PDB file of N, CA and C in Angstrom:
ATOM      1  N   MET A   1       0.851  -1.165   0.000  1.00  0.00           N
ATOM      2  CA  MET A   1       0.000   0.000   0.000  1.00  0.00           C
ATOM      3  C   MET A   1       0.905   1.240   0.000  1.00  0.00           C
ATOM      4  N   PRO A   2       0.564   2.263  -0.789  1.00  0.00           N
ATOM      5  CA  PRO A   2       1.372   3.486  -0.800  1.00  0.00           C
ATOM      6  C   PRO A   2       1.407   4.164   0.575  1.00  0.00           C
ATOM      7  N   THR A   3       2.533   4.796   0.845  1.00  0.00           N
ATOM      8  CA  THR A   3       2.745   5.504   2.104  1.00  0.00           C
ATOM      9  C   THR A   3       2.701   7.009   1.859  1.00  0.00           C
ATOM     10  N   TYR A   4       2.126   7.722   2.797  1.00  0.00           N
ATOM     11  CA  TYR A   4       2.012   9.182   2.712  1.00  0.00           C
ATOM     12  C   TYR A   4       2.500   9.780   4.022  1.00  0.00           C
ATOM     13  N   ILE A   5       3.122  10.933   3.913  1.00  0.00           N
ATOM     14  CA  ILE A   5       3.556  11.698   5.084  1.00  0.00           C
ATOM     15  C   ILE A   5       2.785  13.004   5.066  1.00  0.00           C
ATOM     16  N   ALA A   6       2.097  13.301   6.136  1.00  0.00           N
ATOM     17  CA  ALA A   6       1.332  14.545   6.225  1.00  0.00           C
ATOM     18  C   ALA A   6       1.982  15.463   7.244  1.00  0.00           C
ATOM     19  N   LEU A   7       2.150  16.698   6.840  1.00  0.00           N
ATOM     20  CA  LEU A   7       2.667  17.752   7.713  1.00  0.00           C
ATOM     21  C   LEU A   7       1.475  18.632   8.054  1.00  0.00           C
ATOM     22  N   ALA A   8       1.221  18.844   9.325  1.00  0.00           N
ATOM     23  CA  ALA A   8      -0.001  19.554   9.728  1.00  0.00           C
ATOM     24  C   ALA A   8       0.294  20.686  10.693  1.00  0.00           C
ATOM     25  N   ASN A   9      -0.502  21.732  10.551  1.00  0.00           N
ATOM     26  CA  ASN A   9      -0.489  22.844  11.497  1.00  0.00           C
ATOM     27  C   ASN A   9      -1.900  23.049  12.011  1.00  0.00           C
ATOM     28  N   TRP A  10      -2.002  23.308  13.307  1.00  0.00           N
ATOM     29  CA  TRP A  10      -3.302  23.633  13.848  1.00  0.00           C
ATOM     30  C   TRP A  10      -3.754  24.978  13.306  1.00  0.00           C
ATOM     31  N   THR A  11      -5.022  25.077  12.985  1.00  0.00           N
ATOM     32  CA  THR A  11      -5.613  26.367  12.665  1.00  0.00           C
ATOM     33  C   THR A  11      -5.837  27.095  13.988  1.00  0.00           C
ATOM     34  N   ASP A  12      -6.281  28.337  13.935  1.00  0.00           N
ATOM     35  CA  ASP A  12      -6.602  29.042  15.183  1.00  0.00           C
ATOM     36  C   ASP A  12      -7.631  28.245  15.981  1.00  0.00           C
ATOM     37  N   ARG A  13      -8.637  27.728  15.276  1.00  0.00           N
ATOM     38  CA  ARG A  13      -9.672  26.924  15.945  1.00  0.00           C
ATOM     39  C   ARG A  13      -9.064  25.664  16.564  1.00  0.00           C
ATOM     40  N   GLY A  14      -8.169  24.995  15.824  1.00  0.00           N
ATOM     41  CA  GLY A  14      -7.527  23.792  16.323  1.00  0.00           C
ATOM     42  C   GLY A  14      -6.683  24.068  17.557  1.00  0.00           C
ATOM     43  N   ALA A  15      -5.981  25.195  17.559  1.00  0.00           N
ATOM     44  CA  ALA A  15      -5.162  25.560  18.715  1.00  0.00           C
ATOM     45  C   ALA A  15      -6.042  25.884  19.921  1.00  0.00           C
ATOM     46  N   GLN A  16      -7.157  26.555  19.686  1.00  0.00           N
ATOM     47  CA  GLN A  16      -8.072  26.889  20.781  1.00  0.00           C
ATOM     48  C   GLN A  16      -8.701  25.634  21.379  1.00  0.00           C
ATOM     49  N   GLN A  17      -8.850  24.598  20.557  1.00  0.00           N
ATOM     50  CA  GLN A  17      -9.464  23.346  21.003  1.00  0.00           C
ATOM     51  C   GLN A  17      -8.425  22.221  21.088  1.00  0.00           C
ATOM     52  N   VAL A  18      -7.188  22.583  21.410  1.00  0.00           N
ATOM     53  CA  VAL A  18      -6.089  21.617  21.374  1.00  0.00           C
ATOM     54  C   VAL A  18      -6.303  20.436  22.330  1.00  0.00           C
ATOM     55  N   LYS A  19      -7.007  20.653  23.423  1.00  0.00           N
ATOM     56  CA  LYS A  19      -7.250  19.546  24.357  1.00  0.00           C
ATOM     57  C   LYS A  19      -8.114  18.454  23.733  1.00  0.00           C
ATOM     58  N   GLU A  20      -8.849  18.796  22.669  1.00  0.00           N
ATOM     59  CA  GLU A  20      -9.675  17.812  21.962  1.00  0.00           C
ATOM     60  C   GLU A  20      -8.888  17.099  20.865  1.00  0.00           C
ATOM     61  N   SER A  21      -7.650  17.510  20.639  1.00  0.00           N
ATOM     62  CA  SER A  21      -6.845  16.955  19.548  1.00  0.00           C
ATOM     63  C   SER A  21      -6.710  15.432  19.607  1.00  0.00           C
ATOM     64  N   PRO A  22      -6.441  14.827  20.776  1.00  0.00           N
ATOM     65  CA  PRO A  22      -6.346  13.358  20.792  1.00  0.00           C
ATOM     66  C   PRO A  22      -7.625  12.662  20.316  1.00  0.00           C
ATOM     67  N   LYS A  23      -8.782  13.222  20.635  1.00  0.00           N
ATOM     68  CA  LYS A  23     -10.042  12.644  20.165  1.00  0.00           C
ATOM     69  C   LYS A  23     -10.142  12.755  18.647  1.00  0.00           C
ATOM     70  N   ARG A  24      -9.667  13.879  18.094  1.00  0.00           N
ATOM     71  CA  ARG A  24      -9.694  14.054  16.643  1.00  0.00           C
ATOM     72  C   ARG A  24      -8.737  13.068  15.966  1.00  0.00           C
ATOM     73  N   VAL A  25      -7.604  12.811  16.584  1.00  0.00           N
ATOM     74  CA  VAL A  25      -6.665  11.822  16.032  1.00  0.00           C
ATOM     75  C   VAL A  25      -7.320  10.450  16.019  1.00  0.00           C
ATOM     76  N   ASP A  26      -7.990  10.084  17.091  1.00  0.00           N
ATOM     77  CA  ASP A  26      -8.672   8.784  17.149  1.00  0.00           C
ATOM     78  C   ASP A  26      -9.742   8.688  16.064  1.00  0.00           C
ATOM     79  N   MET A  27     -10.490   9.771  15.859  1.00  0.00           N
ATOM     80  CA  MET A  27     -11.523   9.797  14.821  1.00  0.00           C
ATOM     81  C   MET A  27     -10.883   9.659  13.444  1.00  0.00           C
ATOM     82  N   ALA A  28      -9.773  10.349  13.217  1.00  0.00           N
ATOM     83  CA  ALA A  28      -9.073  10.270  11.927  1.00  0.00           C
ATOM     84  C   ALA A  28      -8.565   8.859  11.681  1.00  0.00           C
ATOM     85  N   ARG A  29      -8.007   8.252  12.698  1.00  0.00           N
ATOM     86  CA  ARG A  29      -7.494   6.877  12.590  1.00  0.00           C
ATOM     87  C   ARG A  29      -8.624   5.925  12.178  1.00  0.00           C
ATOM     88  N   GLN A  30      -9.772   6.059  12.815  1.00  0.00           N
ATOM     89  CA  GLN A  30     -10.910   5.203  12.508  1.00  0.00           C
ATOM     90  C   GLN A  30     -11.441   5.468  11.097  1.00  0.00           C
ATOM     91  N   ALA A  31     -11.543   6.737  10.723  1.00  0.00           N
ATOM     92  CA  ALA A  31     -12.046   7.079   9.389  1.00  0.00           C
ATOM     93  C   ALA A  31     -11.129   6.519   8.305  1.00  0.00           C
ATOM     94  N   LEU A  32      -9.829   6.639   8.507  1.00  0.00           N
ATOM     95  CA  LEU A  32      -8.885   6.108   7.530  1.00  0.00           C
ATOM     96  C   LEU A  32      -9.005   4.592   7.429  1.00  0.00           C
ATOM     97  N   ALA A  33      -9.162   3.916   8.550  1.00  0.00           N
ATOM     98  CA  ALA A  33      -9.330   2.458   8.536  1.00  0.00           C
ATOM     99  C   ALA A  33     -10.582   2.072   7.750  1.00  0.00           C
ATOM    100  N   GLU A  34     -11.648   2.832   7.914  1.00  0.00           N
ATOM    101  CA  GLU A  34     -12.890   2.560   7.187  1.00  0.00           C
ATOM    102  C   GLU A  34     -12.710   2.771   5.683  1.00  0.00           C
ATOM    103  N   MET A  35     -11.734   3.584   5.295  1.00  0.00           N
ATOM    104  CA  MET A  35     -11.428   3.817   3.878  1.00  0.00           C
ATOM    105  C   MET A  35     -10.445   2.779   3.339  1.00  0.00           C
ATOM    106  N   GLY A  36      -9.996   1.867   4.197  1.00  0.00           N
ATOM    107  CA  GLY A  36      -9.070   0.834   3.768  1.00  0.00           C
ATOM    108  C   GLY A  36      -7.613   1.176   3.998  1.00  0.00           C
ATOM    109  N   GLY A  37      -7.351   2.273   4.719  1.00  0.00           N
ATOM    110  CA  GLY A  37      -5.983   2.692   4.995  1.00  0.00           C
ATOM    111  C   GLY A  37      -5.567   2.351   6.412  1.00  0.00           C
ATOM    112  N   GLU A  38      -4.363   2.763   6.748  1.00  0.00           N
ATOM    113  CA  GLU A  38      -3.850   2.505   8.099  1.00  0.00           C
ATOM    114  C   GLU A  38      -3.002   3.680   8.562  1.00  0.00           C
ATOM    115  N   PHE A  39      -3.305   4.175   9.726  1.00  0.00           N
ATOM    116  CA  PHE A  39      -2.561   5.241  10.383  1.00  0.00           C
ATOM    117  C   PHE A  39      -1.346   4.586  11.035  1.00  0.00           C
ATOM    118  N   LYS A  40      -0.142   4.907  10.598  1.00  0.00           N
ATOM    119  CA  LYS A  40       1.061   4.248  11.090  1.00  0.00           C
ATOM    120  C   LYS A  40       1.664   4.928  12.312  1.00  0.00           C
ATOM    121  N   SER A  41       1.834   6.252  12.256  1.00  0.00           N
ATOM    122  CA  SER A  41       2.446   6.946  13.399  1.00  0.00           C
ATOM    123  C   SER A  41       2.133   8.433  13.352  1.00  0.00           C
ATOM    124  N   LEU A  42       2.230   9.038  14.522  1.00  0.00           N
ATOM    125  CA  LEU A  42       1.970  10.470  14.682  1.00  0.00           C
ATOM    126  C   LEU A  42       3.038  11.044  15.601  1.00  0.00           C
ATOM    127  N   TYR A  43       3.517  12.216  15.240  1.00  0.00           N
ATOM    128  CA  TYR A  43       4.493  12.926  16.065  1.00  0.00           C
ATOM    129  C   TYR A  43       4.042  14.364  16.239  1.00  0.00           C
ATOM    130  N   MET A  44       4.077  14.869  17.450  1.00  0.00           N
ATOM    131  CA  MET A  44       3.950  16.296  17.670  1.00  0.00           C
ATOM    132  C   MET A  44       5.358  16.848  17.504  1.00  0.00           C
ATOM    133  N   THR A  45       5.495  17.914  16.739  1.00  0.00           N
ATOM    134  CA  THR A  45       6.821  18.410  16.411  1.00  0.00           C
ATOM    135  C   THR A  45       6.982  19.882  16.769  1.00  0.00           C
ATOM    136  N   LEU A  46       8.226  20.278  16.919  1.00  0.00           N
ATOM    137  CA  LEU A  46       8.585  21.674  17.117  1.00  0.00           C
ATOM    138  C   LEU A  46       9.133  22.187  15.796  1.00  0.00           C
ATOM    139  N   GLY A  47       8.900  23.443  15.501  1.00  0.00           N
ATOM    140  CA  GLY A  47       9.408  23.993  14.250  1.00  0.00           C
ATOM    141  C   GLY A  47       8.270  24.444  13.356  1.00  0.00           C
ATOM    142  N   ASP A  48       8.419  24.209  12.052  1.00  0.00           N
ATOM    143  CA  ASP A  48       7.455  24.717  11.084  1.00  0.00           C
ATOM    144  C   ASP A  48       6.100  24.018  11.128  1.00  0.00           C
ATOM    145  N   TYR A  49       6.044  22.800  11.656  1.00  0.00           N
ATOM    146  CA  TYR A  49       4.795  22.045  11.693  1.00  0.00           C
ATOM    147  C   TYR A  49       4.495  21.599  13.110  1.00  0.00           C
ATOM    148  N   ASP A  50       3.202  21.514  13.418  1.00  0.00           N
ATOM    149  CA  ASP A  50       2.766  21.085  14.746  1.00  0.00           C
ATOM    150  C   ASP A  50       2.704  19.567  14.866  1.00  0.00           C
ATOM    151  N   LEU A  51       2.338  18.911  13.777  1.00  0.00           N
ATOM    152  CA  LEU A  51       2.175  17.462  13.767  1.00  0.00           C
ATOM    153  C   LEU A  51       2.725  16.887  12.469  1.00  0.00           C
ATOM    154  N   VAL A  52       3.278  15.703  12.553  1.00  0.00           N
ATOM    155  CA  VAL A  52       3.674  14.935  11.372  1.00  0.00           C
ATOM    156  C   VAL A  52       3.080  13.551  11.561  1.00  0.00           C
ATOM    157  N   PHE A  53       2.385  13.076  10.538  1.00  0.00           N
ATOM    158  CA  PHE A  53       1.892  11.708  10.656  1.00  0.00           C
ATOM    159  C   PHE A  53       2.106  10.946   9.365  1.00  0.00           C
ATOM    160  N   ILE A  54       2.266   9.661   9.541  1.00  0.00           N
ATOM    161  CA  ILE A  54       2.540   8.756   8.439  1.00  0.00           C
ATOM    162  C   ILE A  54       1.377   7.784   8.357  1.00  0.00           C
ATOM    163  N   TYR A  55       0.881   7.615   7.138  1.00  0.00           N
ATOM    164  CA  TYR A  55      -0.236   6.691   6.959  1.00  0.00           C
ATOM    165  C   TYR A  55      -0.130   6.001   5.616  1.00  0.00           C
ATOM    166  N   GLU A  56      -0.848   4.911   5.476  1.00  0.00           N
ATOM    167  CA  GLU A  56      -0.936   4.177   4.227  1.00  0.00           C
ATOM    168  C   GLU A  56      -2.378   4.250   3.748  1.00  0.00           C
ATOM    169  N   ALA A  57      -2.526   4.330   2.428  1.00  0.00           N
ATOM    170  CA  ALA A  57      -3.852   4.333   1.817  1.00  0.00           C
ATOM    171  C   ALA A  57      -3.791   3.472   0.562  1.00  0.00           C
ATOM    172  N   PRO A  58      -4.911   2.878   0.181  1.00  0.00           N
ATOM    173  CA  PRO A  58      -4.913   2.004  -0.996  1.00  0.00           C
ATOM    174  C   PRO A  58      -4.455   2.710  -2.275  1.00  0.00           C
ATOM    175  N   ASP A  59      -4.757   4.014  -2.396  1.00  0.00           N
ATOM    176  CA  ASP A  59      -4.373   4.753  -3.601  1.00  0.00           C
ATOM    177  C   ASP A  59      -4.437   6.249  -3.315  1.00  0.00           C
ATOM    178  N   ASP A  60      -4.040   7.046  -4.311  1.00  0.00           N
ATOM    179  CA  ASP A  60      -4.011   8.498  -4.141  1.00  0.00           C
ATOM    180  C   ASP A  60      -5.394   9.087  -3.895  1.00  0.00           C
ATOM    181  N   ALA A  61      -6.422   8.490  -4.494  1.00  0.00           N
ATOM    182  CA  ALA A  61      -7.778   9.008  -4.298  1.00  0.00           C
ATOM    183  C   ALA A  61      -8.210   8.871  -2.841  1.00  0.00           C
ATOM    184  N   VAL A  62      -7.904   7.756  -2.224  1.00  0.00           N
ATOM    185  CA  VAL A  62      -8.234   7.570  -0.806  1.00  0.00           C
ATOM    186  C   VAL A  62      -7.416   8.535   0.041  1.00  0.00           C
ATOM    187  N   ALA A  63      -6.143   8.707  -0.276  1.00  0.00           N
ATOM    188  CA  ALA A  63      -5.304   9.652   0.471  1.00  0.00           C
ATOM    189  C   ALA A  63      -5.879  11.064   0.362  1.00  0.00           C
ATOM    190  N   ALA A  64      -6.308  11.455  -0.827  1.00  0.00           N
ATOM    191  CA  ALA A  64      -6.893  12.781  -1.015  1.00  0.00           C
ATOM    192  C   ALA A  64      -8.198  12.925  -0.237  1.00  0.00           C
ATOM    193  N   ARG A  65      -9.038  11.894  -0.282  1.00  0.00           N
ATOM    194  CA  ARG A  65     -10.302  11.926   0.460  1.00  0.00           C
ATOM    195  C   ARG A  65     -10.048  12.067   1.963  1.00  0.00           C
ATOM    196  N   PHE A  66      -9.035  11.362   2.455  1.00  0.00           N
ATOM    197  CA  PHE A  66      -8.690  11.443   3.874  1.00  0.00           C
ATOM    198  C   PHE A  66      -8.228  12.854   4.241  1.00  0.00           C
ATOM    199  N   MET A  67      -7.382  13.455   3.408  1.00  0.00           N
ATOM    200  CA  MET A  67      -6.912  14.813   3.691  1.00  0.00           C
ATOM    201  C   MET A  67      -8.056  15.820   3.632  1.00  0.00           C
ATOM    202  N   LEU A  68      -8.971  15.632   2.687  1.00  0.00           N
ATOM    203  CA  LEU A  68     -10.135  16.521   2.604  1.00  0.00           C
ATOM    204  C   LEU A  68     -11.021  16.383   3.833  1.00  0.00           C
ATOM    205  N   LEU A  69     -11.168  15.155   4.317  1.00  0.00           N
ATOM    206  CA  LEU A  69     -11.946  14.926   5.537  1.00  0.00           C
ATOM    207  C   LEU A  69     -11.332  15.698   6.702  1.00  0.00           C
ATOM    208  N   LEU A  70     -10.007  15.626   6.842  1.00  0.00           N
ATOM    209  CA  LEU A  70      -9.348  16.367   7.917  1.00  0.00           C
ATOM    210  C   LEU A  70      -9.526  17.872   7.728  1.00  0.00           C
ATOM    211  N   GLY A  71      -9.405  18.339   6.495  1.00  0.00           N
ATOM    212  CA  GLY A  71      -9.587  19.763   6.220  1.00  0.00           C
ATOM    213  C   GLY A  71     -10.977  20.255   6.565  1.00  0.00           C
ATOM    214  N   LYS A  72     -11.984  19.420   6.324  1.00  0.00           N
ATOM    215  CA  LYS A  72     -13.369  19.803   6.637  1.00  0.00           C
ATOM    216  C   LYS A  72     -13.580  20.060   8.120  1.00  0.00           C
ATOM    217  N   LEU A  73     -12.770  19.425   8.960  1.00  0.00           N
ATOM    218  CA  LEU A  73     -12.910  19.637  10.404  1.00  0.00           C
ATOM    219  C   LEU A  73     -12.565  21.063  10.802  1.00  0.00           C
ATOM    220  N   GLY A  74     -11.705  21.701  10.011  1.00  0.00           N
ATOM    221  CA  GLY A  74     -11.341  23.087  10.282  1.00  0.00           C
ATOM    222  C   GLY A  74     -10.333  23.268  11.405  1.00  0.00           C
ATOM    223  N   THR A  75      -9.693  22.194  11.831  1.00  0.00           N
ATOM    224  CA  THR A  75      -8.772  22.306  12.961  1.00  0.00           C
ATOM    225  C   THR A  75      -7.309  22.146  12.568  1.00  0.00           C
ATOM    226  N   VAL A  76      -7.051  21.645  11.352  1.00  0.00           N
ATOM    227  CA  VAL A  76      -5.675  21.532  10.859  1.00  0.00           C
ATOM    228  C   VAL A  76      -5.614  21.882   9.373  1.00  0.00           C
ATOM    229  N   ARG A  77      -4.457  22.359   8.976  1.00  0.00           N
ATOM    230  CA  ARG A  77      -4.125  22.528   7.561  1.00  0.00           C
ATOM    231  C   ARG A  77      -2.979  21.558   7.291  1.00  0.00           C
ATOM    232  N   THR A  78      -3.037  20.863   6.167  1.00  0.00           N
ATOM    233  CA  THR A  78      -2.041  19.830   5.909  1.00  0.00           C
ATOM    234  C   THR A  78      -1.319  20.037   4.589  1.00  0.00           C
ATOM    235  N   ARG A  79      -0.142  19.445   4.523  1.00  0.00           N
ATOM    236  CA  ARG A  79       0.615  19.264   3.285  1.00  0.00           C
ATOM    237  C   ARG A  79       0.954  17.783   3.253  1.00  0.00           C
ATOM    238  N   THR A  80       0.745  17.167   2.103  1.00  0.00           N
ATOM    239  CA  THR A  80       0.937  15.728   2.020  1.00  0.00           C
ATOM    240  C   THR A  80       2.045  15.391   1.035  1.00  0.00           C
ATOM    241  N   LEU A  81       2.874  14.448   1.430  1.00  0.00           N
ATOM    242  CA  LEU A  81       3.961  13.950   0.597  1.00  0.00           C
ATOM    243  C   LEU A  81       3.727  12.472   0.343  1.00  0.00           C
ATOM    244  N   LYS A  82       3.847  12.047  -0.900  1.00  0.00           N
ATOM    245  CA  LYS A  82       3.794  10.616  -1.183  1.00  0.00           C
ATOM    246  C   LYS A  82       5.203  10.086  -0.979  1.00  0.00           C
ATOM    247  N   ALA A  83       5.328   9.026  -0.206  1.00  0.00           N
ATOM    248  CA  ALA A  83       6.642   8.491   0.150  1.00  0.00           C
ATOM    249  C   ALA A  83       6.912   7.182  -0.590  1.00  0.00           C
ATOM    250  N   PHE A  84       8.153   7.024  -1.028  1.00  0.00           N
ATOM    251  CA  PHE A  84       8.585   5.804  -1.686  1.00  0.00           C
ATOM    252  C   PHE A  84       9.548   5.078  -0.753  1.00  0.00           C
ATOM    253  N   PRO A  85       9.302   3.822  -0.441  1.00  0.00           N
ATOM    254  CA  PRO A  85      10.224   3.084   0.431  1.00  0.00           C
ATOM    255  C   PRO A  85      11.577   2.904  -0.257  1.00  0.00           C
ATOM    256  N   GLU A  86      12.570   2.516   0.524  1.00  0.00           N
ATOM    257  CA  GLU A  86      13.931   2.414  -0.002  1.00  0.00           C
ATOM    258  C   GLU A  86      14.020   1.484  -1.215  1.00  0.00           C
ATOM    259  N   ALA A  87      13.317   0.370  -1.193  1.00  0.00           N
ATOM    260  CA  ALA A  87      13.382  -0.558  -2.333  1.00  0.00           C
ATOM    261  C   ALA A  87      12.884   0.119  -3.608  1.00  0.00           C
ATOM    262  N   ALA A  88      11.798   0.871  -3.520  1.00  0.00           N
ATOM    263  CA  ALA A  88      11.279   1.582  -4.692  1.00  0.00           C
ATOM    264  C   ALA A  88      12.243   2.679  -5.124  1.00  0.00           C
ATOM    265  N   TYR A  89      12.808   3.380  -4.172  1.00  0.00           N
ATOM    266  CA  TYR A  89      13.813   4.405  -4.464  1.00  0.00           C
ATOM    267  C   TYR A  89      14.967   3.800  -5.255  1.00  0.00           C
ATOM    268  N   ARG A  90      15.480   2.674  -4.777  1.00  0.00           N
ATOM    269  CA  ARG A  90      16.608   2.025  -5.454  1.00  0.00           C
ATOM    270  C   ARG A  90      16.219   1.584  -6.864  1.00  0.00           C
ATOM    271  N   GLU A  91      15.009   1.059  -7.027  1.00  0.00           N
ATOM    272  CA  GLU A  91      14.539   0.632  -8.342  1.00  0.00           C
ATOM    273  C   GLU A  91      14.421   1.833  -9.291  1.00  0.00           C
ATOM    274  N   ILE A  92      13.882   2.928  -8.793  1.00  0.00           N
ATOM    275  CA  ILE A  92      13.740   4.134  -9.605  1.00  0.00           C
ATOM    276  C   ILE A  92      15.116   4.638 -10.047  1.00  0.00           C
ATOM    277  N   ILE A  93      16.037   4.742  -9.105  1.00  0.00           N
ATOM    278  CA  ILE A  93      17.379   5.230  -9.433  1.00  0.00           C
ATOM    279  C   ILE A  93      18.077   4.275 -10.400  1.00  0.00           C
ATOM    280  N   HIS A  94      17.927   2.980 -10.166  1.00  0.00           N
ATOM    281  CA  HIS A  94      18.566   1.980 -11.029  1.00  0.00           C
ATOM    282  C   HIS A  94      18.035   2.048 -12.465  1.00  0.00           C
ATOM    283  N   SER A  95      16.782   2.459 -12.632  1.00  0.00           N
ATOM    284  CA  SER A  95      16.177   2.498 -13.961  1.00  0.00           C
ATOM    285  C   SER A  95      16.638   3.695 -14.803  1.00  0.00           C
ATOM    286  N   LEU A  96      17.362   4.628 -14.199  1.00  0.00           N
ATOM    287  CA  LEU A  96      17.851   5.788 -14.948  1.00  0.00           C
ATOM    288  C   LEU A  96      18.896   5.364 -15.971  1.00  0.00           C
ATOM    289  N   HIS A  97      18.846   5.964 -17.121  1.00  0.00           N
ATOM    290  CA  HIS A  97      19.829   5.640 -18.179  1.00  0.00           C
ATOM    291  C   HIS A  97      20.905   6.672 -18.232  1.00  0.00           C
TER     292      HIS A  97
END
């Protein structure tokens, strides 16, 4: 299953309701599972982003739907990166002529 890395920042509303954040993470985890994906890990971070999480989804459409679902909550803004595991990276590099 493809892997995605999401970089998230709390919106003003999300920061004001930060104590509810763990409940929102649990809801997101469940929603992603219902879409056929899996929430792998979450980190609260210092610096440019408040949260970083890694998840798997069956395809890009499911990943996009999941990010839109989070956006609809109005508590985080996200940037998503599609991640390639090392084996795929090596295959891609090896295929260069």
